[in-house]
Amino acid sequence: MRIYTRGGDRGKTSLIGGTRRYKDDVQVHAFGAVDEAGAFVGLASTYLEQEGYADMVAVLGEVSQVLWDVGADLAVPASVEDHAFRTSADAASSLEPLIDRYAAETEKIQKFVLRGGSFGAAYLHVACTVVRRAERHVVALMRTEPIHEPTLRYLNRLSDLLFVMARAANGRSHTDDVAYRNSPDVFR
């Protein structure tokens, strides 16, 4: 199979079902941002594997699979009827026990946390912010046409998971979270 098709040389790409859209279309931004988020999740996973955090690597491996489903679901134009969506209705809620598990590894948060600390945490923080950007693109798409709502819920919950995993990675590496120094104690 050839990688290049020349089909996008004039600035358009295909959605599922064959519809062509410009590459700066809000829908293309949405599934493209999810693809970018998946790349950063993969980067974080690669680093965490070197650190020996096998549980986190396994979680991120599953997240990568679901992000591919989310991106595919977002690449379906609203005009396509009877599409079998891949992102399940309980995809977001399946992350909640993981959020609780990794949050239990961390100290109680008092102040806003800056992105950083250990390398593993920094990679997870970047993945978190890229997921949040993807979520914003999906919200923009949702304002123009119907979306498969579990995709948005999943991204929202995933950013929470990546944030607490970053804090847990800091704890495992005996690195303090970086507190925003001008932050009052906002989490009581």
C-alpha atoms as a PDB file:
ATOM      1  CA  MET A   1       0.000   0.000   0.000  1.00  0.00           C
ATOM      2  CA  ARG A   2       1.267   3.428  -0.910  1.00  0.00           C
ATOM      3  CA  ILE A   3       1.240   6.046   1.831  1.00  0.00           C
ATOM      4  CA  TYR A   4       0.786   8.945  -0.552  1.00  0.00           C
ATOM      5  CA  THR A   5      -2.366   9.279  -2.622  1.00  0.00           C
ATOM      6  CA  ARG A   6      -2.031  12.883  -3.793  1.00  0.00           C
ATOM      7  CA  GLY A   7      -5.685  13.255  -2.795  1.00  0.00           C
ATOM      8  CA  GLY A   8      -4.860  15.942  -0.261  1.00  0.00           C
ATOM      9  CA  ASP A   9      -2.607  18.011  -2.490  1.00  0.00           C
ATOM     10  CA  ARG A  10      -5.337  20.590  -3.020  1.00  0.00           C
ATOM     11  CA  GLY A  11      -6.061  21.034   0.672  1.00  0.00           C
ATOM     12  CA  LYS A  12      -8.881  18.537   1.161  1.00  0.00           C
ATOM     13  CA  THR A  13      -9.157  15.228   2.978  1.00  0.00           C
ATOM     14  CA  SER A  14     -11.758  12.472   3.080  1.00  0.00           C
ATOM     15  CA  LEU A  15     -14.108  11.763   5.952  1.00  0.00           C
ATOM     16  CA  ILE A  16     -15.593   8.349   6.643  1.00  0.00           C
ATOM     17  CA  GLY A  17     -18.143   7.789   3.892  1.00  0.00           C
ATOM     18  CA  GLY A  18     -16.093   9.632   1.269  1.00  0.00           C
ATOM     19  CA  THR A  19     -17.163  13.234   1.872  1.00  0.00           C
ATOM     20  CA  ARG A  20     -14.288  15.647   1.133  1.00  0.00           C
ATOM     21  CA  ARG A  21     -13.573  18.571   3.445  1.00  0.00           C
ATOM     22  CA  TYR A  22     -10.899  21.235   3.577  1.00  0.00           C
ATOM     23  CA  LYS A  23      -8.126  20.392   5.994  1.00  0.00           C
ATOM     24  CA  ASP A  24      -8.904  23.490   8.063  1.00  0.00           C
ATOM     25  CA  ASP A  25     -12.556  22.436   8.505  1.00  0.00           C
ATOM     26  CA  VAL A  26     -13.789  22.309  12.110  1.00  0.00           C
ATOM     27  CA  GLN A  27     -14.419  18.563  11.822  1.00  0.00           C
ATOM     28  CA  VAL A  28     -10.912  17.890  10.524  1.00  0.00           C
ATOM     29  CA  HIS A  29      -9.520  20.014  13.370  1.00  0.00           C
ATOM     30  CA  ALA A  30     -11.474  17.883  15.853  1.00  0.00           C
ATOM     31  CA  PHE A  31     -10.303  14.455  14.732  1.00  0.00           C
ATOM     32  CA  GLY A  32      -6.847  15.812  13.917  1.00  0.00           C
ATOM     33  CA  ALA A  33      -6.464  17.152  17.452  1.00  0.00           C
ATOM     34  CA  VAL A  34      -7.462  13.736  18.803  1.00  0.00           C
ATOM     35  CA  ASP A  35      -4.783  12.163  16.591  1.00  0.00           C
ATOM     36  CA  GLU A  36      -2.251  14.627  17.994  1.00  0.00           C
ATOM     37  CA  ALA A  37      -3.368  13.770  21.530  1.00  0.00           C
ATOM     38  CA  GLY A  38      -2.801  10.103  20.754  1.00  0.00           C
ATOM     39  CA  ALA A  39       0.746  10.868  19.634  1.00  0.00           C
ATOM     40  CA  PHE A  40       1.501  12.616  22.922  1.00  0.00           C
ATOM     41  CA  VAL A  41      -0.061   9.772  24.905  1.00  0.00           C
ATOM     42  CA  GLY A  42       2.273   7.446  22.991  1.00  0.00           C
ATOM     43  CA  LEU A  43       5.258   9.650  23.797  1.00  0.00           C
ATOM     44  CA  ALA A  44       4.393   9.648  27.503  1.00  0.00           C
ATOM     45  CA  SER A  45       3.914   5.882  27.431  1.00  0.00           C
ATOM     46  CA  THR A  46       7.301   5.339  25.803  1.00  0.00           C
ATOM     47  CA  TYR A  47       9.035   7.344  28.508  1.00  0.00           C
ATOM     48  CA  LEU A  48       7.076   5.741  31.356  1.00  0.00           C
ATOM     49  CA  GLU A  49       8.003   2.304  30.029  1.00  0.00           C
ATOM     50  CA  GLN A  50      11.668   3.225  30.447  1.00  0.00           C
ATOM     51  CA  GLU A  51      10.879   4.255  34.028  1.00  0.00           C
ATOM     52  CA  GLY A  52       9.321   0.854  34.722  1.00  0.00           C
ATOM     53  CA  TYR A  53       5.767   2.119  35.318  1.00  0.00           C
ATOM     54  CA  ALA A  54       4.136  -0.891  33.657  1.00  0.00           C
ATOM     55  CA  ASP A  55       0.680  -0.131  35.064  1.00  0.00           C
ATOM     56  CA  MET A  56       0.706   3.355  33.553  1.00  0.00           C
ATOM     57  CA  VAL A  57       1.976   2.004  30.238  1.00  0.00           C
ATOM     58  CA  ALA A  58      -0.902  -0.499  30.158  1.00  0.00           C
ATOM     59  CA  VAL A  59      -3.445   2.245  30.900  1.00  0.00           C
ATOM     60  CA  LEU A  60      -1.998   4.492  28.195  1.00  0.00           C
ATOM     61  CA  GLY A  61      -2.023   1.599  25.730  1.00  0.00           C
ATOM     62  CA  GLU A  62      -5.759   1.203  26.245  1.00  0.00           C
ATOM     63  CA  VAL A  63      -6.224   4.990  26.065  1.00  0.00           C
ATOM     64  CA  SER A  64      -4.432   4.998  22.693  1.00  0.00           C
ATOM     65  CA  GLN A  65      -6.861   2.391  21.382  1.00  0.00           C
ATOM     66  CA  VAL A  66      -9.903   4.359  22.539  1.00  0.00           C
ATOM     67  CA  LEU A  67      -8.501   7.633  21.167  1.00  0.00           C
ATOM     68  CA  TRP A  68      -8.315   5.973  17.752  1.00  0.00           C
ATOM     69  CA  ASP A  69     -12.007   5.093  18.117  1.00  0.00           C
ATOM     70  CA  VAL A  70     -12.821   8.654  19.217  1.00  0.00           C
ATOM     71  CA  GLY A  71     -11.011  10.077  16.186  1.00  0.00           C
ATOM     72  CA  ALA A  72     -12.796   7.677  13.852  1.00  0.00           C
ATOM     73  CA  ASP A  73     -16.172   8.602  15.352  1.00  0.00           C
ATOM     74  CA  LEU A  74     -15.409  12.290  14.871  1.00  0.00           C
ATOM     75  CA  ALA A  75     -14.498  11.669  11.216  1.00  0.00           C
ATOM     76  CA  VAL A  76     -18.072  10.638  10.409  1.00  0.00           C
ATOM     77  CA  PRO A  77     -20.094  13.449   8.811  1.00  0.00           C
ATOM     78  CA  ALA A  78     -23.535  14.055  10.296  1.00  0.00           C
ATOM     79  CA  SER A  79     -25.053  13.090   6.924  1.00  0.00           C
ATOM     80  CA  VAL A  80     -23.956   9.448   7.319  1.00  0.00           C
ATOM     81  CA  GLU A  81     -26.868   7.461   8.714  1.00  0.00           C
ATOM     82  CA  ASP A  82     -26.700   4.204  10.656  1.00  0.00           C
ATOM     83  CA  HIS A  83     -22.997   4.461  11.454  1.00  0.00           C
ATOM     84  CA  ALA A  84     -21.794   1.986  14.089  1.00  0.00           C
ATOM     85  CA  PHE A  85     -19.912   4.263  16.474  1.00  0.00           C
ATOM     86  CA  ARG A  86     -16.919   2.788  18.258  1.00  0.00           C
ATOM     87  CA  THR A  87     -16.713   4.946  21.403  1.00  0.00           C
ATOM     88  CA  SER A  88     -18.938   3.278  23.963  1.00  0.00           C
ATOM     89  CA  ALA A  89     -21.353   5.152  26.194  1.00  0.00           C
ATOM     90  CA  ASP A  90     -19.392   3.986  29.247  1.00  0.00           C
ATOM     91  CA  ALA A  91     -15.920   4.844  27.911  1.00  0.00           C
ATOM     92  CA  ALA A  92     -15.664   7.940  30.126  1.00  0.00           C
ATOM     93  CA  SER A  93     -16.956   6.230  33.254  1.00  0.00           C
ATOM     94  CA  SER A  94     -14.438   3.414  32.734  1.00  0.00           C
ATOM     95  CA  LEU A  95     -11.696   5.972  33.433  1.00  0.00           C
ATOM     96  CA  GLU A  96     -13.110   7.021  36.801  1.00  0.00           C
ATOM     97  CA  PRO A  97     -11.718   4.084  38.846  1.00  0.00           C
ATOM     98  CA  LEU A  98      -8.312   4.786  37.297  1.00  0.00           C
ATOM     99  CA  ILE A  99      -8.576   8.455  38.227  1.00  0.00           C
ATOM    100  CA  ASP A 100      -9.404   7.453  41.798  1.00  0.00           C
ATOM    101  CA  ARG A 101      -6.567   4.909  41.884  1.00  0.00           C
ATOM    102  CA  TYR A 102      -3.888   7.348  40.741  1.00  0.00           C
ATOM    103  CA  ALA A 103      -5.279  10.195  42.836  1.00  0.00           C
ATOM    104  CA  ALA A 104      -4.903   7.938  45.889  1.00  0.00           C
ATOM    105  CA  GLU A 105      -1.142   7.853  45.212  1.00  0.00           C
ATOM    106  CA  THR A 106      -0.863  11.628  45.494  1.00  0.00           C
ATOM    107  CA  GLU A 107      -0.906  14.070  48.348  1.00  0.00           C
ATOM    108  CA  LYS A 108      -3.950  16.258  48.764  1.00  0.00           C
ATOM    109  CA  ILE A 109      -3.739  19.121  46.328  1.00  0.00           C
ATOM    110  CA  GLN A 110      -3.687  22.591  47.910  1.00  0.00           C
ATOM    111  CA  LYS A 111      -2.643  24.955  45.133  1.00  0.00           C
ATOM    112  CA  PHE A 112      -2.817  25.062  41.378  1.00  0.00           C
ATOM    113  CA  VAL A 113      -0.164  22.778  39.910  1.00  0.00           C
ATOM    114  CA  LEU A 114       2.165  23.951  37.157  1.00  0.00           C
ATOM    115  CA  ARG A 115       3.102  21.535  34.396  1.00  0.00           C
ATOM    116  CA  GLY A 116       6.360  19.800  35.165  1.00  0.00           C
ATOM    117  CA  GLY A 117       8.287  17.930  37.805  1.00  0.00           C
ATOM    118  CA  SER A 118       9.761  14.649  36.614  1.00  0.00           C
ATOM    119  CA  PHE A 119      10.144  13.850  32.922  1.00  0.00           C
ATOM    120  CA  GLY A 120       7.328  11.300  33.079  1.00  0.00           C
ATOM    121  CA  ALA A 121       5.007  13.809  34.721  1.00  0.00           C
ATOM    122  CA  ALA A 122       5.949  16.489  32.207  1.00  0.00           C
ATOM    123  CA  TYR A 123       5.089  14.187  29.283  1.00  0.00           C
ATOM    124  CA  LEU A 124       1.759  13.328  30.917  1.00  0.00           C
ATOM    125  CA  HIS A 125       1.026  17.014  31.525  1.00  0.00           C
ATOM    126  CA  VAL A 126       1.681  17.759  27.841  1.00  0.00           C
ATOM    127  CA  ALA A 127      -0.625  14.903  26.840  1.00  0.00           C
ATOM    128  CA  CYS A 128      -3.255  16.294  29.234  1.00  0.00           C
ATOM    129  CA  THR A 129      -3.149  19.763  27.703  1.00  0.00           C
ATOM    130  CA  VAL A 130      -3.260  18.375  24.156  1.00  0.00           C
ATOM    131  CA  VAL A 131      -6.340  16.321  25.107  1.00  0.00           C
ATOM    132  CA  ARG A 132      -7.906  19.508  26.478  1.00  0.00           C
ATOM    133  CA  ARG A 133      -7.195  21.238  23.172  1.00  0.00           C
ATOM    134  CA  ALA A 134      -8.823  18.328  21.341  1.00  0.00           C
ATOM    135  CA  GLU A 135     -11.816  18.680  23.635  1.00  0.00           C
ATOM    136  CA  ARG A 136     -12.129  22.359  22.690  1.00  0.00           C
ATOM    137  CA  HIS A 137     -12.067  21.427  18.993  1.00  0.00           C
ATOM    138  CA  VAL A 138     -14.787  18.832  19.580  1.00  0.00           C
ATOM    139  CA  VAL A 139     -16.898  21.457  21.368  1.00  0.00           C
ATOM    140  CA  ALA A 140     -16.471  23.745  18.348  1.00  0.00           C
ATOM    141  CA  LEU A 141     -17.603  20.892  16.086  1.00  0.00           C
ATOM    142  CA  MET A 142     -20.556  20.145  18.370  1.00  0.00           C
ATOM    143  CA  ARG A 143     -21.716  23.732  17.954  1.00  0.00           C
ATOM    144  CA  THR A 144     -21.938  23.264  14.174  1.00  0.00           C
ATOM    145  CA  GLU A 145     -23.288  19.714  13.856  1.00  0.00           C
ATOM    146  CA  PRO A 146     -24.285  16.720  15.950  1.00  0.00           C
ATOM    147  CA  ILE A 147     -21.488  14.569  17.359  1.00  0.00           C
ATOM    148  CA  HIS A 148     -21.361  11.183  19.051  1.00  0.00           C
ATOM    149  CA  GLU A 149     -21.530  12.559  22.614  1.00  0.00           C
ATOM    150  CA  PRO A 150     -19.475   9.814  24.314  1.00  0.00           C
ATOM    151  CA  THR A 151     -16.442  11.183  22.446  1.00  0.00           C
ATOM    152  CA  LEU A 152     -16.656  14.509  24.279  1.00  0.00           C
ATOM    153  CA  ARG A 153     -17.245  12.886  27.669  1.00  0.00           C
ATOM    154  CA  TYR A 154     -14.256  10.595  27.121  1.00  0.00           C
ATOM    155  CA  LEU A 155     -11.907  13.476  26.315  1.00  0.00           C
ATOM    156  CA  ASN A 156     -13.107  15.420  29.338  1.00  0.00           C
ATOM    157  CA  ARG A 157     -12.485  12.497  31.687  1.00  0.00           C
ATOM    158  CA  LEU A 158      -9.217  11.570  29.975  1.00  0.00           C
ATOM    159  CA  SER A 159      -7.675  14.965  30.724  1.00  0.00           C
ATOM    160  CA  ASP A 160      -8.488  14.376  34.409  1.00  0.00           C
ATOM    161  CA  LEU A 161      -6.848  10.952  34.269  1.00  0.00           C
ATOM    162  CA  LEU A 162      -3.691  12.276  32.631  1.00  0.00           C
ATOM    163  CA  PHE A 163      -3.458  15.061  35.218  1.00  0.00           C
ATOM    164  CA  VAL A 164      -3.634  12.672  38.184  1.00  0.00           C
ATOM    165  CA  MET A 165      -1.267  10.247  36.460  1.00  0.00           C
ATOM    166  CA  ALA A 166       1.228  13.112  36.082  1.00  0.00           C
ATOM    167  CA  ARG A 167       0.965  13.830  39.794  1.00  0.00           C
ATOM    168  CA  ALA A 168       1.379  10.117  40.571  1.00  0.00           C
ATOM    169  CA  ALA A 169       4.438   9.945  38.295  1.00  0.00           C
ATOM    170  CA  ASN A 170       5.955  12.818  40.259  1.00  0.00           C
ATOM    171  CA  GLY A 171       5.276  10.979  43.506  1.00  0.00           C
ATOM    172  CA  ARG A 172       6.794   7.739  42.236  1.00  0.00           C
ATOM    173  CA  SER A 173       9.950   9.572  41.192  1.00  0.00           C
ATOM    174  CA  HIS A 174      10.105  11.411  44.545  1.00  0.00           C
ATOM    175  CA  THR A 175       9.617  14.726  42.776  1.00  0.00           C
ATOM    176  CA  ASP A 176       7.333  17.392  44.181  1.00  0.00           C
ATOM    177  CA  ASP A 177       4.558  18.833  42.076  1.00  0.00           C
ATOM    178  CA  VAL A 178       5.378  22.360  40.973  1.00  0.00           C
ATOM    179  CA  ALA A 179       2.934  24.622  42.810  1.00  0.00           C
ATOM    180  CA  TYR A 180       1.864  27.922  41.316  1.00  0.00           C
ATOM    181  CA  ARG A 181       3.473  30.294  43.824  1.00  0.00           C
ATOM    182  CA  ASN A 182       0.790  32.994  43.524  1.00  0.00           C
ATOM    183  CA  SER A 183      -1.987  30.501  44.159  1.00  0.00           C
ATOM    184  CA  PRO A 184      -3.881  30.717  47.400  1.00  0.00           C
ATOM    185  CA  ASP A 185      -4.938  27.416  48.925  1.00  0.00           C
ATOM    186  CA  VAL A 186      -7.864  26.806  46.591  1.00  0.00           C
ATOM    187  CA  PHE A 187      -8.470  23.102  47.102  1.00  0.00           C
ATOM    188  CA  ARG A 188      -9.662  22.425  50.626  1.00  0.00           C
END
